[in-house]
Amino acid sequence: MSVAEPPSGLLSRTARKACHAARDAFYSCVREQGADFVPGAPIPAKCKQLRQQFEGACPGSWLKHFDELQEANVRRAKYLAATINRAADKAAGSLTGKA
C-alpha cells in the first residue's frame, strides 16, 4: 500500500481520474509496442516509465484488478480473432468449391 493511499482503497475523484489516465496510457503503450500484456511478463522498455506512473497513481488492489482485466481482454480478443479467421476460412473454402 502506498503512503498516499487511503486505508479503504477509496480515491478522490481527481485521484481516480489520474489512476485511469495512467492505466490507459500504459496499456496503450503496450499495445503500440505490439505486445500483449500479461502480468509478470516483461514490459516493453518504452512503457516502463508509464508502468511506474500507473503503479504510483493507483492502489495495489486496483493494479491487480486492471492487470487481470487486461489479460482477460487480450485472451478474449485472441479467441474472437481465431473464431473469425476459422469462419472466414470456411466461407472462403465454400466459395472456391472446397469442402
PDB file of N, CA and C in Angstrom:
ATOM      1  N   MET A   1       0.856  -1.174   0.000  1.00  0.00           N
ATOM      2  CA  MET A   1       0.000   0.000   0.000  1.00  0.00           C
ATOM      3  C   MET A   1       0.898   1.232   0.000  1.00  0.00           C
ATOM      4  N   SER A   2       0.628   2.176  -0.889  1.00  0.00           N
ATOM      5  CA  SER A   2       1.432   3.388  -0.936  1.00  0.00           C
ATOM      6  C   SER A   2       1.057   4.309   0.220  1.00  0.00           C
ATOM      7  N   VAL A   3       1.930   5.263   0.497  1.00  0.00           N
ATOM      8  CA  VAL A   3       1.709   6.170   1.612  1.00  0.00           C
ATOM      9  C   VAL A   3       0.467   7.030   1.407  1.00  0.00           C
ATOM     10  N   ALA A   4       0.221   7.465   0.175  1.00  0.00           N
ATOM     11  CA  ALA A   4      -0.897   8.358  -0.114  1.00  0.00           C
ATOM     12  C   ALA A   4      -2.236   7.631  -0.220  1.00  0.00           C
ATOM     13  N   GLU A   5      -2.214   6.307  -0.232  1.00  0.00           N
ATOM     14  CA  GLU A   5      -3.441   5.544  -0.427  1.00  0.00           C
ATOM     15  C   GLU A   5      -4.267   5.503   0.856  1.00  0.00           C
ATOM     16  N   PRO A   6      -5.535   5.867   0.775  1.00  0.00           N
ATOM     17  CA  PRO A   6      -6.391   5.755   1.946  1.00  0.00           C
ATOM     18  C   PRO A   6      -6.542   4.290   2.342  1.00  0.00           C
ATOM     19  N   PRO A   7      -6.745   4.013   3.636  1.00  0.00           N
ATOM     20  CA  PRO A   7      -6.827   2.631   4.088  1.00  0.00           C
ATOM     21  C   PRO A   7      -7.891   1.811   3.364  1.00  0.00           C
ATOM     22  N   SER A   8      -8.991   2.412   3.000  1.00  0.00           N
ATOM     23  CA  SER A   8     -10.082   1.667   2.384  1.00  0.00           C
ATOM     24  C   SER A   8      -9.884   1.464   0.885  1.00  0.00           C
ATOM     25  N   GLY A   9      -8.854   2.082   0.292  1.00  0.00           N
ATOM     26  CA  GLY A   9      -8.646   1.967  -1.146  1.00  0.00           C
ATOM     27  C   GLY A   9      -9.496   2.954  -1.930  1.00  0.00           C
ATOM     28  N   LEU A  10     -10.266   3.783  -1.248  1.00  0.00           N
ATOM     29  CA  LEU A  10     -11.095   4.783  -1.929  1.00  0.00           C
ATOM     30  C   LEU A  10     -10.230   5.964  -2.338  1.00  0.00           C
ATOM     31  N   LEU A  11     -10.485   6.481  -3.507  1.00  0.00           N
ATOM     32  CA  LEU A  11      -9.731   7.615  -4.001  1.00  0.00           C
ATOM     33  C   LEU A  11     -10.676   8.765  -4.297  1.00  0.00           C
ATOM     34  N   SER A  12     -10.139   9.965  -4.214  1.00  0.00           N
ATOM     35  CA  SER A  12     -10.923  11.128  -4.594  1.00  0.00           C
ATOM     36  C   SER A  12     -11.171  11.078  -6.102  1.00  0.00           C
ATOM     37  N   ARG A  13     -12.092  11.877  -6.561  1.00  0.00           N
ATOM     38  CA  ARG A  13     -12.409  11.918  -7.993  1.00  0.00           C
ATOM     39  C   ARG A  13     -11.164  12.269  -8.806  1.00  0.00           C
ATOM     40  N   THR A  14     -10.391  13.221  -8.346  1.00  0.00           N
ATOM     41  CA  THR A  14      -9.176  13.632  -9.042  1.00  0.00           C
ATOM     42  C   THR A  14      -8.168  12.491  -9.097  1.00  0.00           C
ATOM     43  N   ALA A  15      -8.013  11.780  -7.970  1.00  0.00           N
ATOM     44  CA  ALA A  15      -7.070  10.661  -7.919  1.00  0.00           C
ATOM     45  C   ALA A  15      -7.541   9.516  -8.813  1.00  0.00           C
ATOM     46  N   ARG A  16      -8.849   9.270  -8.866  1.00  0.00           N
ATOM     47  CA  ARG A  16      -9.383   8.220  -9.751  1.00  0.00           C
ATOM     48  C   ARG A  16      -9.099   8.566 -11.214  1.00  0.00           C
ATOM     49  N   LYS A  17      -9.319   9.839 -11.569  1.00  0.00           N
ATOM     50  CA  LYS A  17      -9.050  10.269 -12.949  1.00  0.00           C
ATOM     51  C   LYS A  17      -7.579  10.066 -13.292  1.00  0.00           C
ATOM     52  N   ALA A  18      -6.694  10.410 -12.356  1.00  0.00           N
ATOM     53  CA  ALA A  18      -5.256  10.245 -12.580  1.00  0.00           C
ATOM     54  C   ALA A  18      -4.911   8.767 -12.726  1.00  0.00           C
ATOM     55  N   CYS A  19      -5.508   7.932 -11.905  1.00  0.00           N
ATOM     56  CA  CYS A  19      -5.282   6.491 -11.978  1.00  0.00           C
ATOM     57  C   CYS A  19      -5.731   5.946 -13.328  1.00  0.00           C
ATOM     58  N   HIS A  20      -6.935   6.308 -13.737  1.00  0.00           N
ATOM     59  CA  HIS A  20      -7.472   5.811 -15.009  1.00  0.00           C
ATOM     60  C   HIS A  20      -6.659   6.323 -16.196  1.00  0.00           C
ATOM     61  N   ALA A  21      -6.211   7.562 -16.142  1.00  0.00           N
ATOM     62  CA  ALA A  21      -5.394   8.113 -17.226  1.00  0.00           C
ATOM     63  C   ALA A  21      -4.053   7.377 -17.310  1.00  0.00           C
ATOM     64  N   ALA A  22      -3.450   7.103 -16.150  1.00  0.00           N
ATOM     65  CA  ALA A  22      -2.178   6.371 -16.126  1.00  0.00           C
ATOM     66  C   ALA A  22      -2.370   4.948 -16.637  1.00  0.00           C
ATOM     67  N   ARG A  23      -3.473   4.317 -16.254  1.00  0.00           N
ATOM     68  CA  ARG A  23      -3.802   2.962 -16.731  1.00  0.00           C
ATOM     69  C   ARG A  23      -3.919   2.952 -18.251  1.00  0.00           C
ATOM     70  N   ASP A  24      -4.723   3.869 -18.783  1.00  0.00           N
ATOM     71  CA  ASP A  24      -4.964   3.920 -20.220  1.00  0.00           C
ATOM     72  C   ASP A  24      -3.677   4.180 -20.997  1.00  0.00           C
ATOM     73  N   ALA A  25      -2.835   5.090 -20.479  1.00  0.00           N
ATOM     74  CA  ALA A  25      -1.575   5.411 -21.154  1.00  0.00           C
ATOM     75  C   ALA A  25      -0.654   4.195 -21.177  1.00  0.00           C
ATOM     76  N   PHE A  26      -0.584   3.461 -20.067  1.00  0.00           N
ATOM     77  CA  PHE A  26       0.287   2.288 -20.004  1.00  0.00           C
ATOM     78  C   PHE A  26      -0.171   1.202 -20.960  1.00  0.00           C
ATOM     79  N   TYR A  27      -1.445   0.815 -20.892  1.00  0.00           N
ATOM     80  CA  TYR A  27      -1.924  -0.271 -21.745  1.00  0.00           C
ATOM     81  C   TYR A  27      -1.879   0.120 -23.222  1.00  0.00           C
ATOM     82  N   SER A  28      -2.111   1.391 -23.538  1.00  0.00           N
ATOM     83  CA  SER A  28      -1.995   1.861 -24.929  1.00  0.00           C
ATOM     84  C   SER A  28      -0.562   1.716 -25.417  1.00  0.00           C
ATOM     85  N   CYS A  29       0.380   2.068 -24.573  1.00  0.00           N
ATOM     86  CA  CYS A  29       1.793   1.958 -24.922  1.00  0.00           C
ATOM     87  C   CYS A  29       2.147   0.499 -25.210  1.00  0.00           C
ATOM     88  N   VAL A  30       1.699  -0.402 -24.355  1.00  0.00           N
ATOM     89  CA  VAL A  30       1.996  -1.825 -24.550  1.00  0.00           C
ATOM     90  C   VAL A  30       1.434  -2.299 -25.887  1.00  0.00           C
ATOM     91  N   ARG A  31       0.198  -1.913 -26.188  1.00  0.00           N
ATOM     92  CA  ARG A  31      -0.406  -2.308 -27.465  1.00  0.00           C
ATOM     93  C   ARG A  31       0.369  -1.720 -28.646  1.00  0.00           C
ATOM     94  N   GLU A  32       0.780  -0.442 -28.527  1.00  0.00           N
ATOM     95  CA  GLU A  32       1.526   0.221 -29.604  1.00  0.00           C
ATOM     96  C   GLU A  32       2.862  -0.477 -29.860  1.00  0.00           C
ATOM     97  N   GLN A  33       3.412  -1.110 -28.843  1.00  0.00           N
ATOM     98  CA  GLN A  33       4.676  -1.827 -28.987  1.00  0.00           C
ATOM     99  C   GLN A  33       4.472  -3.229 -29.560  1.00  0.00           C
ATOM    100  N   GLY A  34       3.220  -3.578 -29.819  1.00  0.00           N
ATOM    101  CA  GLY A  34       2.918  -4.876 -30.405  1.00  0.00           C
ATOM    102  C   GLY A  34       2.952  -6.019 -29.410  1.00  0.00           C
ATOM    103  N   ALA A  35       2.841  -5.695 -28.135  1.00  0.00           N
ATOM    104  CA  ALA A  35       2.884  -6.723 -27.098  1.00  0.00           C
ATOM    105  C   ALA A  35       1.488  -6.928 -26.514  1.00  0.00           C
ATOM    106  N   ASP A  36       1.286  -8.112 -25.978  1.00  0.00           N
ATOM    107  CA  ASP A  36       0.064  -8.406 -25.238  1.00  0.00           C
ATOM    108  C   ASP A  36       0.427  -8.394 -23.765  1.00  0.00           C
ATOM    109  N   PHE A  37      -0.292  -7.623 -22.969  1.00  0.00           N
ATOM    110  CA  PHE A  37       0.053  -7.542 -21.557  1.00  0.00           C
ATOM    111  C   PHE A  37      -0.375  -8.800 -20.827  1.00  0.00           C
ATOM    112  N   VAL A  38       0.565  -9.360 -20.093  1.00  0.00           N
ATOM    113  CA  VAL A  38       0.316 -10.490 -19.201  1.00  0.00           C
ATOM    114  C   VAL A  38       1.061 -10.166 -17.908  1.00  0.00           C
ATOM    115  N   PRO A  39       0.361 -10.182 -16.757  1.00  0.00           N
ATOM    116  CA  PRO A  39       1.053  -9.889 -15.502  1.00  0.00           C
ATOM    117  C   PRO A  39       2.279 -10.781 -15.325  1.00  0.00           C
ATOM    118  N   GLY A  40       3.380 -10.172 -14.960  1.00  0.00           N
ATOM    119  CA  GLY A  40       4.608 -10.911 -14.740  1.00  0.00           C
ATOM    120  C   GLY A  40       5.502 -11.004 -15.968  1.00  0.00           C
ATOM    121  N   ALA A  41       4.958 -10.707 -17.137  1.00  0.00           N
ATOM    122  CA  ALA A  41       5.750 -10.746 -18.372  1.00  0.00           C
ATOM    123  C   ALA A  41       6.586  -9.471 -18.467  1.00  0.00           C
ATOM    124  N   PRO A  42       7.674  -9.515 -19.224  1.00  0.00           N
ATOM    125  CA  PRO A  42       8.490  -8.312 -19.397  1.00  0.00           C
ATOM    126  C   PRO A  42       7.668  -7.177 -20.014  1.00  0.00           C
ATOM    127  N   ILE A  43       7.912  -5.979 -19.529  1.00  0.00           N
ATOM    128  CA  ILE A  43       7.237  -4.782 -20.037  1.00  0.00           C
ATOM    129  C   ILE A  43       8.143  -4.146 -21.081  1.00  0.00           C
ATOM    130  N   PRO A  44       7.597  -3.759 -22.230  1.00  0.00           N
ATOM    131  CA  PRO A  44       8.437  -3.094 -23.239  1.00  0.00           C
ATOM    132  C   PRO A  44       9.164  -1.891 -22.638  1.00  0.00           C
ATOM    133  N   ALA A  45      10.407  -1.707 -23.030  1.00  0.00           N
ATOM    134  CA  ALA A  45      11.243  -0.648 -22.458  1.00  0.00           C
ATOM    135  C   ALA A  45      10.587   0.729 -22.550  1.00  0.00           C
ATOM    136  N   LYS A  46       9.922   1.013 -23.676  1.00  0.00           N
ATOM    137  CA  LYS A  46       9.295   2.324 -23.853  1.00  0.00           C
ATOM    138  C   LYS A  46       8.137   2.555 -22.885  1.00  0.00           C
ATOM    139  N   CYS A  47       7.631   1.484 -22.267  1.00  0.00           N
ATOM    140  CA  CYS A  47       6.446   1.594 -21.413  1.00  0.00           C
ATOM    141  C   CYS A  47       6.766   1.518 -19.923  1.00  0.00           C
ATOM    142  N   LYS A  48       8.026   1.298 -19.578  1.00  0.00           N
ATOM    143  CA  LYS A  48       8.370   1.096 -18.162  1.00  0.00           C
ATOM    144  C   LYS A  48       8.065   2.321 -17.302  1.00  0.00           C
ATOM    145  N   GLN A  49       8.343   3.504 -17.816  1.00  0.00           N
ATOM    146  CA  GLN A  49       8.057   4.714 -17.047  1.00  0.00           C
ATOM    147  C   GLN A  49       6.546   4.888 -16.868  1.00  0.00           C
ATOM    148  N   LEU A  50       5.773   4.561 -17.895  1.00  0.00           N
ATOM    149  CA  LEU A  50       4.314   4.654 -17.784  1.00  0.00           C
ATOM    150  C   LEU A  50       3.796   3.646 -16.758  1.00  0.00           C
ATOM    151  N   ARG A  51       4.425   2.472 -16.684  1.00  0.00           N
ATOM    152  CA  ARG A  51       4.021   1.479 -15.685  1.00  0.00           C
ATOM    153  C   ARG A  51       4.296   2.025 -14.283  1.00  0.00           C
ATOM    154  N   GLN A  52       5.432   2.671 -14.095  1.00  0.00           N
ATOM    155  CA  GLN A  52       5.754   3.255 -12.790  1.00  0.00           C
ATOM    156  C   GLN A  52       4.741   4.330 -12.416  1.00  0.00           C
ATOM    157  N   GLN A  53       4.340   5.136 -13.390  1.00  0.00           N
ATOM    158  CA  GLN A  53       3.335   6.166 -13.128  1.00  0.00           C
ATOM    159  C   GLN A  53       1.999   5.520 -12.773  1.00  0.00           C
ATOM    160  N   PHE A  54       1.640   4.470 -13.474  1.00  0.00           N
ATOM    161  CA  PHE A  54       0.413   3.712 -13.217  1.00  0.00           C
ATOM    162  C   PHE A  54       0.444   3.146 -11.793  1.00  0.00           C
ATOM    163  N   GLU A  55       1.552   2.535 -11.428  1.00  0.00           N
ATOM    164  CA  GLU A  55       1.689   1.962 -10.084  1.00  0.00           C
ATOM    165  C   GLU A  55       1.647   3.037  -9.007  1.00  0.00           C
ATOM    166  N   GLY A  56       2.162   4.222  -9.318  1.00  0.00           N
ATOM    167  CA  GLY A  56       2.153   5.309  -8.351  1.00  0.00           C
ATOM    168  C   GLY A  56       0.791   5.975  -8.208  1.00  0.00           C
ATOM    169  N   ALA A  57      -0.016   5.891  -9.250  1.00  0.00           N
ATOM    170  CA  ALA A  57      -1.301   6.588  -9.247  1.00  0.00           C
ATOM    171  C   ALA A  57      -2.456   5.739  -8.717  1.00  0.00           C
ATOM    172  N   CYS A  58      -2.298   4.405  -8.706  1.00  0.00           N
ATOM    173  CA  CYS A  58      -3.408   3.520  -8.351  1.00  0.00           C
ATOM    174  C   CYS A  58      -3.076   2.654  -7.140  1.00  0.00           C
ATOM    175  N   PRO A  59      -4.079   2.345  -6.329  1.00  0.00           N
ATOM    176  CA  PRO A  59      -3.866   1.405  -5.220  1.00  0.00           C
ATOM    177  C   PRO A  59      -3.498   0.025  -5.768  1.00  0.00           C
ATOM    178  N   GLY A  60      -2.768  -0.737  -4.973  1.00  0.00           N
ATOM    179  CA  GLY A  60      -2.327  -2.066  -5.391  1.00  0.00           C
ATOM    180  C   GLY A  60      -3.458  -2.985  -5.792  1.00  0.00           C
ATOM    181  N   SER A  61      -4.565  -2.927  -5.064  1.00  0.00           N
ATOM    182  CA  SER A  61      -5.696  -3.799  -5.404  1.00  0.00           C
ATOM    183  C   SER A  61      -6.282  -3.425  -6.763  1.00  0.00           C
ATOM    184  N   TRP A  62      -6.247  -2.155  -7.115  1.00  0.00           N
ATOM    185  CA  TRP A  62      -6.744  -1.708  -8.411  1.00  0.00           C
ATOM    186  C   TRP A  62      -5.799  -2.187  -9.518  1.00  0.00           C
ATOM    187  N   LEU A  63      -4.477  -2.095  -9.259  1.00  0.00           N
ATOM    188  CA  LEU A  63      -3.497  -2.558 -10.238  1.00  0.00           C
ATOM    189  C   LEU A  63      -3.752  -4.022 -10.570  1.00  0.00           C
ATOM    190  N   LYS A  64      -3.929  -4.826  -9.543  1.00  0.00           N
ATOM    191  CA  LYS A  64      -4.166  -6.255  -9.749  1.00  0.00           C
ATOM    192  C   LYS A  64      -5.436  -6.466 -10.573  1.00  0.00           C
ATOM    193  N   HIS A  65      -6.489  -5.754 -10.220  1.00  0.00           N
ATOM    194  CA  HIS A  65      -7.755  -5.873 -10.947  1.00  0.00           C
ATOM    195  C   HIS A  65      -7.591  -5.458 -12.408  1.00  0.00           C
ATOM    196  N   PHE A  66      -6.972  -4.305 -12.652  1.00  0.00           N
ATOM    197  CA  PHE A  66      -6.801  -3.819 -14.024  1.00  0.00           C
ATOM    198  C   PHE A  66      -5.922  -4.767 -14.841  1.00  0.00           C
ATOM    199  N   ASP A  67      -4.859  -5.288 -14.219  1.00  0.00           N
ATOM    200  CA  ASP A  67      -3.980  -6.221 -14.926  1.00  0.00           C
ATOM    201  C   ASP A  67      -4.724  -7.500 -15.298  1.00  0.00           C
ATOM    202  N   GLU A  68      -5.510  -8.033 -14.376  1.00  0.00           N
ATOM    203  CA  GLU A  68      -6.281  -9.243 -14.662  1.00  0.00           C
ATOM    204  C   GLU A  68      -7.330  -8.983 -15.739  1.00  0.00           C
ATOM    205  N   LEU A  69      -7.967  -7.831 -15.675  1.00  0.00           N
ATOM    206  CA  LEU A  69      -8.958  -7.463 -16.688  1.00  0.00           C
ATOM    207  C   LEU A  69      -8.302  -7.317 -18.060  1.00  0.00           C
ATOM    208  N   GLN A  70      -7.150  -6.686 -18.103  1.00  0.00           N
ATOM    209  CA  GLN A  70      -6.432  -6.514 -19.370  1.00  0.00           C
ATOM    210  C   GLN A  70      -6.027  -7.873 -19.943  1.00  0.00           C
ATOM    211  N   GLU A  71      -5.540  -8.759 -19.082  1.00  0.00           N
ATOM    212  CA  GLU A  71      -5.151 -10.097 -19.544  1.00  0.00           C
ATOM    213  C   GLU A  71      -6.367 -10.846 -20.102  1.00  0.00           C
ATOM    214  N   ALA A  72      -7.503 -10.742 -19.425  1.00  0.00           N
ATOM    215  CA  ALA A  72      -8.734 -11.390 -19.896  1.00  0.00           C
ATOM    216  C   ALA A  72      -9.174 -10.801 -21.235  1.00  0.00           C
ATOM    217  N   ASN A  73      -9.049  -9.494 -21.390  1.00  0.00           N
ATOM    218  CA  ASN A  73      -9.425  -8.847 -22.650  1.00  0.00           C
ATOM    219  C   ASN A  73      -8.530  -9.312 -23.797  1.00  0.00           C
ATOM    220  N   VAL A  74      -7.248  -9.500 -23.522  1.00  0.00           N
ATOM    221  CA  VAL A  74      -6.321  -9.984 -24.543  1.00  0.00           C
ATOM    222  C   VAL A  74      -6.701 -11.404 -24.955  1.00  0.00           C
ATOM    223  N   ARG A  75      -6.982 -12.263 -23.964  1.00  0.00           N
ATOM    224  CA  ARG A  75      -7.390 -13.643 -24.269  1.00  0.00           C
ATOM    225  C   ARG A  75      -8.673 -13.654 -25.096  1.00  0.00           C
ATOM    226  N   ARG A  76      -9.633 -12.808 -24.719  1.00  0.00           N
ATOM    227  CA  ARG A  76     -10.914 -12.734 -25.424  1.00  0.00           C
ATOM    228  C   ARG A  76     -10.705 -12.268 -26.866  1.00  0.00           C
ATOM    229  N   ALA A  77      -9.867 -11.274 -27.061  1.00  0.00           N
ATOM    230  CA  ALA A  77      -9.607 -10.758 -28.410  1.00  0.00           C
ATOM    231  C   ALA A  77      -8.944 -11.825 -29.281  1.00  0.00           C
ATOM    232  N   LYS A  78      -8.003 -12.578 -28.705  1.00  0.00           N
ATOM    233  CA  LYS A  78      -7.350 -13.649 -29.468  1.00  0.00           C
ATOM    234  C   LYS A  78      -8.358 -14.738 -29.837  1.00  0.00           C
ATOM    235  N   TYR A  79      -9.216 -15.083 -28.909  1.00  0.00           N
ATOM    236  CA  TYR A  79     -10.241 -16.098 -29.171  1.00  0.00           C
ATOM    237  C   TYR A  79     -11.177 -15.643 -30.291  1.00  0.00           C
ATOM    238  N   LEU A  80     -11.643 -14.402 -30.208  1.00  0.00           N
ATOM    239  CA  LEU A  80     -12.542 -13.880 -31.240  1.00  0.00           C
ATOM    240  C   LEU A  80     -11.854 -13.825 -32.601  1.00  0.00           C
ATOM    241  N   ALA A  81     -10.596 -13.410 -32.630  1.00  0.00           N
ATOM    242  CA  ALA A  81      -9.870 -13.349 -33.895  1.00  0.00           C
ATOM    243  C   ALA A  81      -9.733 -14.748 -34.493  1.00  0.00           C
ATOM    244  N   ALA A  82      -9.420 -15.729 -33.664  1.00  0.00           N
ATOM    245  CA  ALA A  82      -9.297 -17.106 -34.159  1.00  0.00           C
ATOM    246  C   ALA A  82     -10.637 -17.614 -34.681  1.00  0.00           C
ATOM    247  N   THR A  83     -11.715 -17.305 -33.959  1.00  0.00           N
ATOM    248  CA  THR A  83     -13.051 -17.734 -34.384  1.00  0.00           C
ATOM    249  C   THR A  83     -13.428 -17.090 -35.717  1.00  0.00           C
ATOM    250  N   ILE A  84     -13.158 -15.812 -35.860  1.00  0.00           N
ATOM    251  CA  ILE A  84     -13.456 -15.101 -37.103  1.00  0.00           C
ATOM    252  C   ILE A  84     -12.626 -15.665 -38.250  1.00  0.00           C
ATOM    253  N   ASN A  85     -11.359 -15.940 -37.980  1.00  0.00           N
ATOM    254  CA  ASN A  85     -10.489 -16.487 -39.033  1.00  0.00           C
ATOM    255  C   ASN A  85     -10.957 -17.871 -39.474  1.00  0.00           C
ATOM    256  N   ARG A  86     -11.377 -18.704 -38.525  1.00  0.00           N
ATOM    257  CA  ARG A  86     -11.890 -20.031 -38.883  1.00  0.00           C
ATOM    258  C   ARG A  86     -13.154 -19.903 -39.740  1.00  0.00           C
ATOM    259  N   ALA A  87     -14.047 -18.996 -39.337  1.00  0.00           N
ATOM    260  CA  ALA A  87     -15.283 -18.792 -40.098  1.00  0.00           C
ATOM    261  C   ALA A  87     -14.968 -18.259 -41.497  1.00  0.00           C
ATOM    262  N   ALA A  88     -14.015 -17.364 -41.595  1.00  0.00           N
ATOM    263  CA  ALA A  88     -13.637 -16.810 -42.893  1.00  0.00           C
ATOM    264  C   ALA A  88     -13.021 -17.892 -43.775  1.00  0.00           C
ATOM    265  N   ASP A  89     -12.201 -18.753 -43.165  1.00  0.00           N
ATOM    266  CA  ASP A  89     -11.601 -19.848 -43.937  1.00  0.00           C
ATOM    267  C   ASP A  89     -12.666 -20.797 -44.455  1.00  0.00           C
ATOM    268  N   LYS A  90     -13.653 -21.086 -43.604  1.00  0.00           N
ATOM    269  CA  LYS A  90     -14.752 -21.967 -44.028  1.00  0.00           C
ATOM    270  C   LYS A  90     -15.536 -21.313 -45.166  1.00  0.00           C
ATOM    271  N   ALA A  91     -15.835 -20.049 -45.020  1.00  0.00           N
ATOM    272  CA  ALA A  91     -16.601 -19.336 -46.046  1.00  0.00           C
ATOM    273  C   ALA A  91     -15.811 -19.271 -47.343  1.00  0.00           C
ATOM    274  N   ALA A  92     -14.520 -18.983 -47.244  1.00  0.00           N
ATOM    275  CA  ALA A  92     -13.690 -18.921 -48.447  1.00  0.00           C
ATOM    276  C   ALA A  92     -13.603 -20.281 -49.109  1.00  0.00           C
ATOM    277  N   GLY A  93     -13.533 -21.340 -48.300  1.00  0.00           N
ATOM    278  CA  GLY A  93     -13.479 -22.696 -48.843  1.00  0.00           C
ATOM    279  C   GLY A  93     -14.753 -23.040 -49.599  1.00  0.00           C
ATOM    280  N   SER A  94     -15.901 -22.630 -49.069  1.00  0.00           N
ATOM    281  CA  SER A  94     -17.157 -22.954 -49.743  1.00  0.00           C
ATOM    282  C   SER A  94     -17.316 -22.147 -51.030  1.00  0.00           C
ATOM    283  N   LEU A  95     -16.706 -20.977 -51.067  1.00  0.00           N
ATOM    284  CA  LEU A  95     -16.788 -20.165 -52.281  1.00  0.00           C
ATOM    285  C   LEU A  95     -15.906 -20.735 -53.383  1.00  0.00           C
ATOM    286  N   THR A  96     -14.839 -21.418 -53.005  1.00  0.00           N
ATOM    287  CA  THR A  96     -13.923 -21.971 -54.009  1.00  0.00           C
ATOM    288  C   THR A  96     -14.262 -23.411 -54.337  1.00  0.00           C
ATOM    289  N   GLY A  97     -15.297 -23.946 -53.723  1.00  0.00           N
ATOM    290  CA  GLY A  97     -15.718 -25.307 -54.005  1.00  0.00           C
ATOM    291  C   GLY A  97     -15.060 -26.348 -53.128  1.00  0.00           C
ATOM    292  N   LYS A  98     -14.257 -25.904 -52.160  1.00  0.00           N
ATOM    293  CA  LYS A  98     -13.612 -26.838 -51.240  1.00  0.00           C
ATOM    294  C   LYS A  98     -14.582 -27.236 -50.150  1.00  0.00           C
ATOM    295  N   ALA A  99     -14.389 -28.397 -49.596  1.00  0.00           N
ATOM    296  CA  ALA A  99     -15.282 -28.889 -48.540  1.00  0.00           C
ATOM    297  C   ALA A  99     -14.962 -28.244 -47.226  1.00  0.00           C
TER     298      ALA A  99
END
